[in-house]
Amino acid sequence: MTDPSPTSTPTFSPTGRTATSYDAIVVGGGHNGLTNAAYLAKAGLRTLVLEQRHLVGGAAITEELRPGFSFTTFSYALSLLRPEIIHELDLVEHGFMPLMMPGDFHPTGDGGYLLFGDDEEQNVQMIRRHSRHDADAYTRYNYDVDRVIQTVRPLFDNPPPNIFGSDPEDQADVAWLLKHLGSVDRRTIHDTVRMLTGSAADLLDDYFEYEPLKGYLASSSNIGHQIGPMAGGSGLVLLYHKMGEHDGHLGAWAFHKGGNGGFTQVLARAAQAYGAEIELEARVSSLLTRDGRATGVVLADGTELTAPVVVSALDARRTFLELVDPRELPDDLVDDVRRTRYRGTSAKVNFALDGMPEFPGLAGAAPFGGFINIGPTLEYLERAYDAAKYGWYSDRPFIDGALQSVIDPDMAPPGKHVLSCFVQHAPYQLRESDWETERDAFGDKAQAVLEEHFPGFGDLVLQREVVTPPDIERLTGLSEGNIFAGEFLAPQMYFFRPSPGWSRYATPIEGYYQCGSGTHPGGCVIGSPGRFASQRILRDRTRGR
């Protein structure tokens, strides 16, 4: 049982920088920073990416914790990655290889299970085994949620309008938004508002009776923020995760060959192919400015690098309060950033296994080529959250895991497996202890839950990695270990992300931009912030700003 320690080696060619002056410098080599750099380089800008660690990827990395076992240390799946990025950056040419997650396995807590795949009729029949009423309601639920997704998607796939601007383009964007919303029927608008502001539990109670089905559907509302499925705001996260797609299948998830680290290596190769340079182990300490304009950056070793465009792929707290002297910024922006809620509550527990876990009643079958969802009911999910309200971790946590070696056998030696688990809830700050003290005890809690559903699981464990919210902060730079770079709450989304009036990727400092997950449309491996920021930068350059 170990503290995370990086051992992997980049597979792209880390040539480093060749100069001290560039057209654009991107701070942070996570997936959004790499996406932004690739677009800027493709447009002809001499672009440099500066990454503080020994490998690119940010929170989307793959590491070899044990010889032959590859772990996706943090994020582990693809769904929200926008198709435009794949095509516009020619990612397939650079090795992009997503593998379809064929199903979700959900133990019901009473010895039974739900198993969902991409065949909707089979899913309905699976539900019908437990509840005829819910089988009939399932199609109606998916139809209604899909209508909400179609309403929200144009907002998701475009930069937010500046509702505070007087520029004619700003006014045209606001007019477009009002026209779009005005074209949607009243029932769907009402459902949209309910999902954006209400609770997942209230929504699901409208459709379903079978508690394990509600637990399964509500589970995605429980990931990444410090609220439970019965609290207002949980519906927004449920909706966000439902908006993903893979190969045209709405709501489907994929796993990249080699894990999400394999994906960010693809992005790095694409950026380099367009001419971007990438320097590793290059921590940026501050932004250089002159007369209200960005002129470059200073590295931790004192090296100064110049560029008329600097792009921060970090979260808002680091972008505005650490790289910049807050006195250079408007007071209202500084106040908004200071009160942004992060409250990381996700931990990872990753296992190297000596074999395949077995679920009683499956007679040796192993339908684990996708997610393993352990949160049997709404009440279970809510109780898994309860302790976090008072500064402690759950005794019986919710686990969202994936046996990635089933999908990609190269992730583990023959006959062996790796299981990557998001474990909720684990508050960033513990009330009466610290995470170094509690690390193994927390891992034991997660392992005990897995043992409960997969008897003999503990005998399979060859090695265990526990990654706490402070670890996530230390290793990725995500404040308080929040995997979304700021909680998904309505006051922190769309034209309020990261601050009212500053949601369109520029900042008050001319030439200084933001492209991290703390900007619209938010976290997960999505790439849109990097893409939208590049569009803003190139437009401003065209206009001579």
Protein backbone atom coordinates (compact mmCIF):
# COMPACT_ATOMS: atom_id res chain seq x y z
CA MET A 1 0.00 0.00 0.00
CA THR A 2 1.86 3.01 -1.24
CA ASP A 3 1.81 6.72 -1.70
CA PRO A 4 1.56 7.50 -5.44
CA SER A 5 5.00 7.64 -6.99
CA PRO A 6 5.50 8.31 -10.71
CA THR A 7 7.49 5.76 -12.65
CA SER A 8 6.24 6.08 -16.21
CA THR A 9 8.15 7.52 -19.13
CA PRO A 10 6.68 9.78 -21.84
CA THR A 11 6.30 8.08 -25.22
CA PHE A 12 6.27 11.31 -27.19
CA SER A 13 9.54 13.08 -27.96
CA PRO A 14 10.19 15.62 -25.15
CA THR A 15 12.60 17.85 -27.05
CA GLY A 16 12.11 20.77 -24.66
CA ARG A 17 12.37 24.38 -25.67
CA THR A 18 14.74 25.68 -28.28
CA ALA A 19 14.46 29.41 -27.53
CA THR A 20 13.54 31.94 -24.87
CA SER A 21 10.98 33.83 -26.95
CA TYR A 22 7.74 32.45 -28.40
CA ASP A 23 4.45 33.57 -29.91
CA ALA A 24 2.52 31.75 -27.20
CA ILE A 25 3.34 29.98 -23.94
CA VAL A 26 0.88 27.50 -22.42
CA VAL A 27 1.23 26.91 -18.68
CA GLY A 28 0.28 23.33 -17.85
CA GLY A 29 0.48 20.18 -19.96
CA GLY A 30 -2.86 18.63 -19.06
CA HIS A 31 -5.26 17.65 -21.81
CA ASN A 32 -6.71 21.17 -22.15
CA GLY A 33 -3.27 22.78 -22.28
CA LEU A 34 -2.11 20.30 -24.93
CA THR A 35 -5.30 20.83 -26.93
CA ASN A 36 -4.85 24.59 -26.82
CA ALA A 37 -1.18 24.34 -27.82
CA ALA A 38 -1.99 22.05 -30.74
CA TYR A 39 -4.54 24.49 -32.14
CA LEU A 40 -2.24 27.49 -31.70
CA ALA A 41 0.68 25.67 -33.32
CA LYS A 42 -1.55 24.49 -36.15
CA ALA A 43 -2.44 28.15 -36.77
CA GLY A 44 1.25 28.98 -37.15
CA LEU A 45 2.12 30.33 -33.71
CA ARG A 46 5.44 29.28 -32.27
CA THR A 47 4.09 27.64 -29.12
CA LEU A 48 5.71 26.30 -25.96
CA VAL A 49 4.02 24.10 -23.34
CA LEU A 50 5.49 24.20 -19.84
CA GLU A 51 4.66 21.22 -17.61
CA GLN A 52 5.82 21.02 -14.00
CA ARG A 53 5.96 17.20 -13.86
CA HIS A 54 8.14 14.66 -15.63
CA LEU A 55 5.28 13.69 -17.97
CA VAL A 56 2.39 15.45 -19.69
CA GLY A 57 -1.25 14.71 -19.02
CA GLY A 58 -2.18 16.51 -15.79
CA ALA A 59 -4.93 14.39 -14.28
CA ALA A 60 -5.09 12.19 -17.41
CA ILE A 61 -2.01 10.01 -17.03
CA THR A 62 -1.05 6.35 -16.96
CA GLU A 63 1.73 5.14 -14.66
CA GLU A 64 3.36 1.78 -13.98
CA LEU A 65 3.11 1.40 -10.24
CA ARG A 66 4.09 -2.27 -10.35
CA PRO A 67 6.11 -3.89 -13.18
CA GLY A 68 3.72 -4.90 -15.93
CA PHE A 69 0.69 -3.19 -14.32
CA SER A 70 -0.39 0.15 -15.84
CA PHE A 71 -2.53 2.38 -13.63
CA THR A 72 -4.66 5.34 -14.66
CA THR A 73 -3.72 7.24 -11.53
CA PHE A 74 -6.53 9.79 -11.73
CA SER A 75 -9.12 9.99 -14.56
CA TYR A 76 -9.69 6.77 -16.45
CA ALA A 77 -12.41 7.11 -19.11
CA LEU A 78 -13.45 9.10 -22.16
CA SER A 79 -16.94 10.24 -23.04
CA LEU A 80 -17.14 14.01 -23.08
CA LEU A 81 -14.20 14.54 -25.46
CA ARG A 82 -15.67 16.59 -28.28
CA PRO A 83 -15.60 14.92 -31.72
CA GLU A 84 -14.49 18.17 -33.39
CA ILE A 85 -11.15 17.98 -31.59
CA ILE A 86 -10.51 14.45 -32.83
CA HIS A 87 -11.06 15.51 -36.43
CA GLU A 88 -9.55 19.00 -36.41
CA LEU A 89 -6.30 17.84 -34.79
CA ASP A 90 -6.05 14.59 -36.81
CA LEU A 91 -5.75 12.61 -33.58
CA VAL A 92 -6.32 9.24 -35.25
CA GLU A 93 -3.17 9.84 -37.27
CA HIS A 94 -1.27 10.23 -34.00
CA GLY A 95 -2.60 7.05 -32.39
CA PHE A 96 -6.05 7.92 -31.04
CA MET A 97 -7.64 4.56 -30.19
CA PRO A 98 -10.74 4.59 -27.96
CA LEU A 99 -12.13 1.23 -26.86
CA MET A 100 -15.85 0.99 -26.19
CA MET A 101 -16.90 0.34 -22.58
CA PRO A 102 -19.37 -2.50 -23.24
CA GLY A 103 -21.36 -2.28 -20.03
CA ASP A 104 -22.06 -1.25 -16.45
CA PHE A 105 -22.27 -3.85 -13.69
CA HIS A 106 -24.31 -2.77 -10.66
CA PRO A 107 -24.72 -5.09 -7.65
CA THR A 108 -28.11 -4.46 -6.07
CA GLY A 109 -27.00 -5.20 -2.50
CA ASP A 110 -29.26 -8.23 -2.06
CA GLY A 111 -27.21 -10.72 -4.07
CA GLY A 112 -28.66 -9.62 -7.39
CA TYR A 113 -27.36 -7.27 -10.03
CA LEU A 114 -28.19 -5.00 -12.93
CA LEU A 115 -26.09 -5.22 -16.08
CA PHE A 116 -26.42 -2.50 -18.70
CA GLY A 117 -24.93 -2.38 -22.19
CA ASP A 118 -25.49 -0.46 -25.40
CA ASP A 119 -28.57 -2.50 -26.41
CA GLU A 120 -31.51 -0.55 -25.01
CA GLU A 121 -33.99 -3.40 -25.47
CA GLN A 122 -31.79 -5.72 -23.43
CA ASN A 123 -31.49 -3.01 -20.77
CA VAL A 124 -35.28 -2.75 -20.59
CA GLN A 125 -35.57 -6.51 -20.23
CA MET A 126 -32.97 -6.46 -17.45
CA ILE A 127 -35.07 -3.90 -15.56
CA ARG A 128 -38.28 -5.86 -16.26
CA ARG A 129 -36.86 -8.77 -14.24
CA HIS A 130 -37.14 -6.52 -11.19
CA SER A 131 -39.96 -4.09 -11.99
CA ARG A 132 -42.43 -4.01 -14.86
CA HIS A 133 -43.35 -0.44 -13.94
CA ASP A 134 -39.74 0.74 -14.11
CA ALA A 135 -39.11 -1.05 -17.39
CA ASP A 136 -41.93 0.96 -18.92
CA ALA A 137 -40.70 4.16 -17.26
CA TYR A 138 -37.09 3.69 -18.41
CA THR A 139 -37.82 4.53 -22.04
CA ARG A 140 -39.78 7.62 -21.01
CA TYR A 141 -36.97 8.72 -18.68
CA ASN A 142 -34.33 8.40 -21.41
CA TYR A 143 -36.56 10.26 -23.86
CA ASP A 144 -37.12 13.15 -21.45
CA VAL A 145 -33.44 13.39 -20.47
CA ASP A 146 -32.37 13.25 -24.11
CA ARG A 147 -34.64 16.24 -24.83
CA VAL A 148 -32.91 18.14 -22.03
CA ILE A 149 -29.53 17.19 -23.48
CA GLN A 150 -30.57 18.48 -26.90
CA THR A 151 -31.59 21.75 -25.24
CA VAL A 152 -28.33 22.14 -23.33
CA ARG A 153 -25.88 20.80 -25.92
CA PRO A 154 -25.68 23.98 -28.05
CA LEU A 155 -24.76 25.84 -24.86
CA PHE A 156 -22.25 23.13 -23.99
CA ASP A 157 -20.64 23.18 -27.44
CA ASN A 158 -20.19 26.96 -27.72
CA PRO A 159 -18.51 29.60 -25.57
CA PRO A 160 -20.96 31.27 -23.18
CA PRO A 161 -22.28 34.69 -24.18
CA ASN A 162 -21.08 37.69 -22.20
CA ILE A 163 -24.39 38.86 -20.76
CA PHE A 164 -22.63 41.85 -19.21
CA GLY A 165 -21.07 43.12 -22.45
CA SER A 166 -22.27 46.00 -24.63
CA ASP A 167 -20.28 44.96 -27.70
CA PRO A 168 -22.59 44.18 -30.67
CA GLU A 169 -21.19 40.65 -30.82
CA ASP A 170 -22.01 40.13 -27.15
CA GLN A 171 -25.54 41.34 -27.74
CA ALA A 172 -25.88 39.04 -30.77
CA ASP A 173 -24.73 36.07 -28.66
CA VAL A 174 -27.30 36.87 -25.98
CA ALA A 175 -29.99 37.20 -28.64
CA TRP A 176 -29.00 33.77 -30.00
CA LEU A 177 -29.28 32.26 -26.52
CA LEU A 178 -32.74 33.72 -25.95
CA LYS A 179 -33.91 32.60 -29.37
CA HIS A 180 -32.63 29.08 -28.77
CA LEU A 181 -34.31 28.77 -25.37
CA GLY A 182 -37.47 30.30 -26.77
CA SER A 183 -37.66 27.54 -29.38
CA VAL A 184 -37.83 24.79 -26.73
CA ASP A 185 -41.19 23.55 -25.45
CA ARG A 186 -42.22 24.49 -21.92
CA ARG A 187 -42.06 20.95 -20.52
CA THR A 188 -38.48 20.48 -21.65
CA ILE A 189 -37.44 23.91 -20.32
CA HIS A 190 -38.96 22.99 -16.97
CA ASP A 191 -37.16 19.63 -16.95
CA THR A 192 -33.92 21.42 -17.87
CA VAL A 193 -34.22 23.85 -14.95
CA ARG A 194 -35.03 20.96 -12.62
CA MET A 195 -31.91 19.09 -13.68
CA LEU A 196 -29.69 22.15 -13.45
CA THR A 197 -30.84 23.16 -9.98
CA GLY A 198 -32.69 20.23 -8.38
CA SER A 199 -31.71 16.88 -6.93
CA ALA A 200 -31.11 13.64 -8.76
CA ALA A 201 -33.28 11.85 -6.19
CA ASP A 202 -36.35 14.00 -6.85
CA LEU A 203 -35.97 13.54 -10.61
CA LEU A 204 -35.62 9.76 -10.37
CA ASP A 205 -38.48 9.42 -7.89
CA ASP A 206 -40.76 10.85 -10.58
CA TYR A 207 -40.07 7.84 -12.80
CA PHE A 208 -38.94 4.80 -10.82
CA GLU A 209 -39.84 2.58 -7.87
CA TYR A 210 -37.04 0.01 -7.76
CA GLU A 211 -34.41 1.40 -5.40
CA PRO A 212 -31.35 -0.31 -6.95
CA LEU A 213 -32.25 1.15 -10.36
CA LYS A 214 -32.48 4.62 -8.82
CA GLY A 215 -29.14 4.00 -7.11
CA TYR A 216 -27.53 3.04 -10.40
CA LEU A 217 -28.92 6.03 -12.32
CA ALA A 218 -28.09 8.47 -9.51
CA SER A 219 -24.50 7.29 -9.12
CA SER A 220 -23.08 9.70 -11.70
CA SER A 221 -24.60 12.58 -9.73
CA ASN A 222 -22.38 11.65 -6.80
CA ILE A 223 -18.97 12.03 -8.45
CA GLY A 224 -16.62 14.94 -7.96
CA HIS A 225 -18.46 17.29 -5.63
CA GLN A 226 -19.44 17.46 -2.00
CA ILE A 227 -23.17 16.93 -2.16
CA GLY A 228 -25.31 13.81 -2.12
CA PRO A 229 -27.99 12.73 -4.61
CA MET A 230 -30.77 14.06 -2.39
CA ALA A 231 -29.38 17.61 -2.42
CA GLY A 232 -30.19 20.36 -4.88
CA GLY A 233 -27.47 20.63 -7.52
CA SER A 234 -26.84 16.90 -7.89
CA GLY A 235 -29.06 16.82 -10.97
CA LEU A 236 -26.57 19.06 -12.80
CA VAL A 237 -23.73 16.55 -12.43
CA LEU A 238 -26.02 13.71 -13.47
CA LEU A 239 -26.90 15.68 -16.62
CA TYR A 240 -23.26 16.56 -17.32
CA HIS A 241 -22.20 12.92 -17.32
CA LYS A 242 -25.20 11.92 -19.43
CA MET A 243 -24.09 14.36 -22.15
CA GLY A 244 -21.12 12.26 -23.14
CA GLU A 245 -20.95 10.12 -26.24
CA HIS A 246 -18.73 7.65 -28.01
CA ASP A 247 -18.83 6.94 -31.72
CA GLY A 248 -22.24 8.58 -32.00
CA HIS A 249 -23.76 6.70 -29.04
CA LEU A 250 -25.20 9.26 -26.60
CA GLY A 251 -24.29 8.49 -22.97
CA ALA A 252 -21.71 5.85 -23.95
CA TRP A 253 -18.20 5.76 -22.48
CA ALA A 254 -14.88 4.63 -23.86
CA PHE A 255 -11.48 3.72 -22.49
CA HIS A 256 -8.44 4.82 -24.45
CA LYS A 257 -5.81 2.28 -25.39
CA GLY A 258 -3.18 2.58 -22.68
CA GLY A 259 -5.56 4.53 -20.45
CA ASN A 260 -6.06 8.27 -20.40
CA GLY A 261 -2.30 8.64 -20.31
CA GLY A 262 -2.33 7.02 -23.74
CA PHE A 263 -4.76 9.70 -24.88
CA THR A 264 -2.68 12.63 -23.61
CA GLN A 265 0.39 11.14 -25.28
CA VAL A 266 -1.61 11.27 -28.51
CA LEU A 267 -2.39 14.95 -27.87
CA ALA A 268 1.28 15.66 -27.16
CA ARG A 269 2.35 14.01 -30.42
CA ALA A 270 -0.28 15.97 -32.34
CA ALA A 271 0.86 19.27 -30.79
CA GLN A 272 4.48 18.51 -31.63
CA ALA A 273 3.55 17.51 -35.17
CA TYR A 274 2.08 20.99 -35.65
CA GLY A 275 5.28 22.53 -34.29
CA ALA A 276 4.62 23.02 -30.58
CA GLU A 277 7.49 22.47 -28.15
CA ILE A 278 7.00 20.80 -24.77
CA GLU A 279 9.29 21.27 -21.80
CA LEU A 280 8.89 18.97 -18.82
CA GLU A 281 9.85 19.65 -15.18
CA ALA A 282 9.38 23.36 -15.88
CA ARG A 283 7.30 24.88 -13.10
CA VAL A 284 6.04 28.41 -13.75
CA SER A 285 6.21 30.67 -10.71
CA SER A 286 4.70 33.89 -12.07
CA LEU A 287 3.40 35.81 -15.05
CA LEU A 288 5.50 38.65 -16.47
CA THR A 289 3.54 41.81 -17.23
CA ARG A 290 4.22 45.35 -18.40
CA ASP A 291 1.64 48.17 -18.51
CA GLY A 292 -1.27 45.78 -18.03
CA ARG A 293 -0.11 43.33 -20.67
CA ALA A 294 1.38 39.82 -20.45
CA THR A 295 4.95 39.61 -21.72
CA GLY A 296 6.00 36.11 -20.62
CA VAL A 297 6.59 33.91 -17.58
CA VAL A 298 9.19 33.26 -14.91
CA LEU A 299 10.12 29.65 -14.12
CA ALA A 300 10.80 28.43 -10.60
CA ASP A 301 14.54 28.42 -11.34
CA GLY A 302 14.42 32.11 -12.31
CA THR A 303 14.48 31.63 -16.08
CA GLU A 304 12.46 34.26 -17.94
CA LEU A 305 10.66 33.33 -21.15
CA THR A 306 8.86 35.90 -23.27
CA ALA A 307 5.69 35.73 -25.35
CA PRO A 308 2.89 38.18 -26.18
CA VAL A 309 0.34 35.42 -25.42
CA VAL A 310 0.36 33.38 -22.20
CA VAL A 311 -2.35 30.79 -21.61
CA SER A 312 -3.00 29.26 -18.20
CA ALA A 313 -4.40 25.73 -18.22
CA LEU A 314 -4.52 25.83 -14.41
CA ASP A 315 -7.64 26.34 -12.33
CA ALA A 316 -8.92 29.82 -11.49
CA ARG A 317 -7.29 29.99 -8.06
CA ARG A 318 -3.84 29.36 -9.51
CA THR A 319 -4.46 31.38 -12.68
CA PHE A 320 -5.53 34.55 -10.89
CA LEU A 321 -4.19 34.35 -7.32
CA GLU A 322 -0.84 32.55 -7.69
CA LEU A 323 0.63 33.30 -11.12
CA VAL A 324 -0.55 36.92 -10.92
CA ASP A 325 -0.37 39.58 -8.24
CA PRO A 326 -4.09 40.03 -7.38
CA ARG A 327 -3.50 43.78 -7.24
CA GLU A 328 -3.27 43.72 -11.04
CA LEU A 329 -6.84 42.41 -11.28
CA PRO A 330 -10.29 43.92 -10.67
CA ASP A 331 -11.50 43.49 -7.10
CA ASP A 332 -14.72 41.75 -8.12
CA LEU A 333 -12.83 39.09 -10.09
CA VAL A 334 -10.46 38.47 -7.19
CA ASP A 335 -13.41 38.20 -4.79
CA ASP A 336 -15.23 35.75 -7.08
CA VAL A 337 -12.15 33.55 -7.45
CA ARG A 338 -11.49 33.56 -3.71
CA ARG A 339 -14.98 32.35 -2.93
CA THR A 340 -15.07 29.67 -5.63
CA ARG A 341 -15.88 26.33 -4.03
CA TYR A 342 -13.49 23.47 -4.72
CA ARG A 343 -13.96 21.01 -1.82
CA GLY A 344 -12.36 17.99 -3.44
CA THR A 345 -14.10 14.86 -2.26
CA SER A 346 -12.97 12.19 -4.73
CA ALA A 347 -10.19 9.74 -3.98
CA LYS A 348 -8.75 6.98 -6.11
CA VAL A 349 -7.94 3.48 -4.93
CA ASN A 350 -6.19 1.46 -7.62
CA PHE A 351 -5.52 -2.27 -7.36
CA ALA A 352 -3.12 -4.70 -9.01
CA LEU A 353 -4.94 -8.05 -8.92
CA ASP A 354 -3.75 -11.63 -9.21
CA GLY A 355 -6.92 -12.62 -11.07
CA MET A 356 -10.50 -11.77 -11.94
CA PRO A 357 -12.89 -10.89 -9.07
CA GLU A 358 -15.90 -13.21 -8.90
CA PHE A 359 -19.45 -12.21 -8.20
CA PRO A 360 -21.63 -14.94 -6.64
CA GLY A 361 -24.40 -16.11 -8.94
CA LEU A 362 -22.63 -15.40 -12.21
CA ALA A 363 -21.26 -18.95 -12.52
CA GLY A 364 -17.80 -17.86 -13.57
CA ALA A 365 -19.01 -15.31 -16.12
CA ALA A 366 -17.22 -11.96 -15.97
CA PRO A 367 -19.32 -9.12 -17.43
CA PHE A 368 -16.79 -6.58 -16.21
CA GLY A 369 -15.66 -5.02 -19.47
CA GLY A 370 -16.92 -1.65 -18.32
CA PHE A 371 -17.80 0.10 -15.10
CA ILE A 372 -18.35 -1.60 -11.76
CA ASN A 373 -20.80 0.56 -9.85
CA ILE A 374 -21.11 -0.05 -6.13
CA GLY A 375 -23.81 2.21 -4.77
CA PRO A 376 -26.83 -0.08 -4.54
CA THR A 377 -29.51 2.48 -3.64
CA LEU A 378 -30.15 6.20 -3.30
CA GLU A 379 -30.00 5.83 0.45
CA TYR A 380 -26.61 4.10 0.21
CA LEU A 381 -25.27 6.96 -1.93
CA GLU A 382 -26.62 9.59 0.45
CA ARG A 383 -25.13 7.84 3.48
CA ALA A 384 -21.81 7.53 1.68
CA TYR A 385 -21.85 11.32 1.49
CA ASP A 386 -23.06 12.00 5.04
CA ALA A 387 -19.69 11.72 6.78
CA ALA A 388 -18.12 14.25 4.42
CA LYS A 389 -20.49 16.94 5.71
CA TYR A 390 -18.70 16.65 9.04
CA GLY A 391 -15.14 16.34 7.76
CA TRP A 392 -14.72 12.58 7.60
CA TYR A 393 -14.63 9.79 5.03
CA SER A 394 -17.33 7.21 4.47
CA ASP A 395 -17.32 3.86 6.28
CA ARG A 396 -19.12 2.32 3.30
CA PRO A 397 -18.12 4.44 0.32
CA PHE A 398 -19.63 4.59 -3.12
CA ILE A 399 -17.21 3.07 -5.67
CA ASP A 400 -17.14 3.76 -9.38
CA GLY A 401 -14.55 1.39 -10.82
CA ALA A 402 -13.32 -0.17 -14.03
CA LEU A 403 -11.38 -3.38 -14.64
CA GLN A 404 -9.41 -1.74 -17.41
CA SER A 405 -7.32 -4.81 -18.20
CA VAL A 406 -10.48 -6.56 -19.45
CA ILE A 407 -10.87 -3.85 -22.09
CA ASP A 408 -7.14 -3.45 -22.79
CA PRO A 409 -5.21 -6.65 -21.88
CA ASP A 410 -1.91 -4.80 -22.27
CA MET A 411 -2.63 -2.99 -18.99
CA ALA A 412 -1.63 -6.07 -16.96
CA PRO A 413 0.32 -9.34 -17.35
CA PRO A 414 -1.62 -12.35 -18.72
CA GLY A 415 -4.17 -13.57 -16.22
CA LYS A 416 -3.68 -10.51 -14.00
CA HIS A 417 -5.81 -7.37 -13.80
CA VAL A 418 -5.88 -3.71 -12.77
CA LEU A 419 -8.95 -2.20 -11.11
CA SER A 420 -9.18 1.60 -11.05
CA CYS A 421 -11.70 2.99 -8.54
CA PHE A 422 -13.07 6.44 -7.84
CA VAL A 423 -14.12 6.34 -4.19
CA GLN A 424 -16.59 8.80 -2.66
CA HIS A 425 -16.58 10.60 -0.33
CA ALA A 426 -13.19 11.68 0.93
CA PRO A 427 -13.09 15.33 2.03
CA TYR A 428 -9.95 17.33 1.33
CA GLN A 429 -9.64 18.36 4.98
CA LEU A 430 -10.24 15.81 7.72
CA ARG A 431 -11.79 17.01 10.94
CA GLU A 432 -9.57 15.34 13.53
CA SER A 433 -6.75 13.75 11.59
CA ASP A 434 -4.84 14.00 8.31
CA TRP A 435 -4.63 11.92 5.18
CA GLU A 436 -1.13 10.58 5.81
CA THR A 437 -2.49 9.05 9.00
CA GLU A 438 -5.74 7.84 7.47
CA ARG A 439 -4.52 6.72 4.04
CA ASP A 440 -4.43 2.98 4.73
CA ALA A 441 -7.61 3.01 6.82
CA PHE A 442 -9.46 4.64 3.93
CA GLY A 443 -8.06 2.09 1.50
CA ASP A 444 -9.22 -0.65 3.87
CA LYS A 445 -12.77 0.76 3.81
CA ALA A 446 -12.84 0.70 0.01
CA GLN A 447 -11.38 -2.81 -0.10
CA ALA A 448 -13.93 -4.03 2.45
CA VAL A 449 -16.80 -2.81 0.25
CA LEU A 450 -15.32 -4.66 -2.73
CA GLU A 451 -14.89 -7.77 -0.58
CA GLU A 452 -18.55 -7.57 0.44
CA HIS A 453 -19.66 -7.84 -3.20
CA PHE A 454 -16.78 -9.95 -4.54
CA PRO A 455 -15.89 -12.52 -1.83
CA GLY A 456 -12.20 -13.32 -1.84
CA PHE A 457 -11.29 -9.98 -3.40
CA GLY A 458 -8.66 -9.26 -0.75
CA ASP A 459 -6.80 -12.48 -1.61
CA LEU A 460 -6.34 -11.17 -5.18
CA VAL A 461 -4.73 -7.87 -4.18
CA LEU A 462 -1.06 -7.76 -5.11
CA GLN A 463 -0.66 -4.03 -4.56
CA ARG A 464 -2.85 -1.07 -3.70
CA GLU A 465 -2.45 2.61 -4.45
CA VAL A 466 -4.46 5.17 -2.45
CA VAL A 467 -4.65 8.65 -3.97
CA THR A 468 -6.26 11.21 -1.65
CA PRO A 469 -7.51 14.71 -2.50
CA PRO A 470 -4.28 16.29 -1.14
CA ASP A 471 -2.32 13.89 -3.39
CA ILE A 472 -4.39 15.02 -6.36
CA GLU A 473 -3.66 18.65 -5.48
CA ARG A 474 0.06 18.01 -5.02
CA LEU A 475 0.54 15.98 -8.18
CA THR A 476 -1.81 17.75 -10.61
CA GLY A 477 -2.13 21.26 -9.17
CA LEU A 478 -5.93 20.96 -8.92
CA SER A 479 -6.87 23.10 -5.92
CA GLU A 480 -8.14 21.04 -2.97
CA GLY A 481 -7.98 18.00 -5.25
CA ASN A 482 -11.24 18.90 -6.98
CA ILE A 483 -11.34 16.85 -10.18
CA PHE A 484 -13.56 19.42 -11.93
CA ALA A 485 -11.26 22.40 -11.15
CA GLY A 486 -14.17 23.93 -9.23
CA GLU A 487 -17.40 22.28 -8.12
CA PHE A 488 -20.24 21.85 -10.58
CA LEU A 489 -22.79 24.12 -8.94
CA ALA A 490 -25.12 26.41 -10.91
CA PRO A 491 -23.47 29.62 -9.58
CA GLN A 492 -20.11 28.30 -10.87
CA MET A 493 -21.16 27.26 -14.37
CA TYR A 494 -21.68 28.73 -17.85
CA PHE A 495 -21.33 32.54 -17.84
CA PHE A 496 -20.31 32.43 -14.17
CA ARG A 497 -17.32 30.13 -14.74
CA PRO A 498 -14.91 31.20 -13.39
CA SER A 499 -16.41 34.66 -12.78
CA PRO A 500 -19.21 36.82 -14.20
CA GLY A 501 -17.81 38.84 -17.10
CA TRP A 502 -14.68 36.66 -17.47
CA SER A 503 -16.12 33.44 -18.85
CA ARG A 504 -14.87 33.87 -22.44
CA TYR A 505 -11.26 32.77 -21.87
CA ALA A 506 -9.63 36.24 -21.87
CA THR A 507 -8.57 37.92 -18.62
CA PRO A 508 -8.24 41.58 -17.55
CA ILE A 509 -4.52 41.37 -18.41
CA GLU A 510 -4.12 41.79 -22.16
CA GLY A 511 -2.52 38.75 -23.76
CA TYR A 512 -3.22 36.53 -20.74
CA TYR A 513 -5.81 33.79 -21.30
CA GLN A 514 -7.32 30.84 -19.43
CA CYS A 515 -8.06 27.40 -20.90
CA GLY A 516 -8.34 25.03 -17.94
CA SER A 517 -11.29 22.99 -16.67
CA GLY A 518 -12.20 25.91 -14.43
CA THR A 519 -13.62 27.58 -17.55
CA HIS A 520 -16.72 26.63 -19.57
CA PRO A 521 -17.88 23.92 -20.07
CA GLY A 522 -15.92 22.43 -17.18
CA GLY A 523 -14.06 19.34 -16.10
CA CYS A 524 -13.64 15.73 -17.22
CA VAL A 525 -11.54 14.85 -20.27
CA ILE A 526 -13.35 17.10 -22.70
CA GLY A 527 -10.86 19.43 -24.44
CA SER A 528 -13.41 22.18 -25.14
CA PRO A 529 -11.82 24.80 -22.87
CA GLY A 530 -8.53 24.40 -24.74
CA ARG A 531 -10.27 24.61 -28.11
CA PHE A 532 -12.50 27.58 -27.24
CA ALA A 533 -9.57 29.49 -25.74
CA SER A 534 -7.52 28.97 -28.91
CA GLN A 535 -10.38 30.38 -30.98
CA ARG A 536 -10.52 33.46 -28.75
CA ILE A 537 -6.76 33.98 -28.95
CA LEU A 538 -6.64 33.68 -32.71
CA ARG A 539 -9.63 35.99 -33.11
CA ASP A 540 -8.02 38.62 -30.89
CA ARG A 541 -4.78 38.39 -32.86
CA THR A 542 -6.67 38.87 -36.12
CA ARG A 543 -8.20 42.02 -34.68
CA GLY A 544 -4.85 43.28 -33.49
CA ARG A 545 -5.63 43.04 -29.80
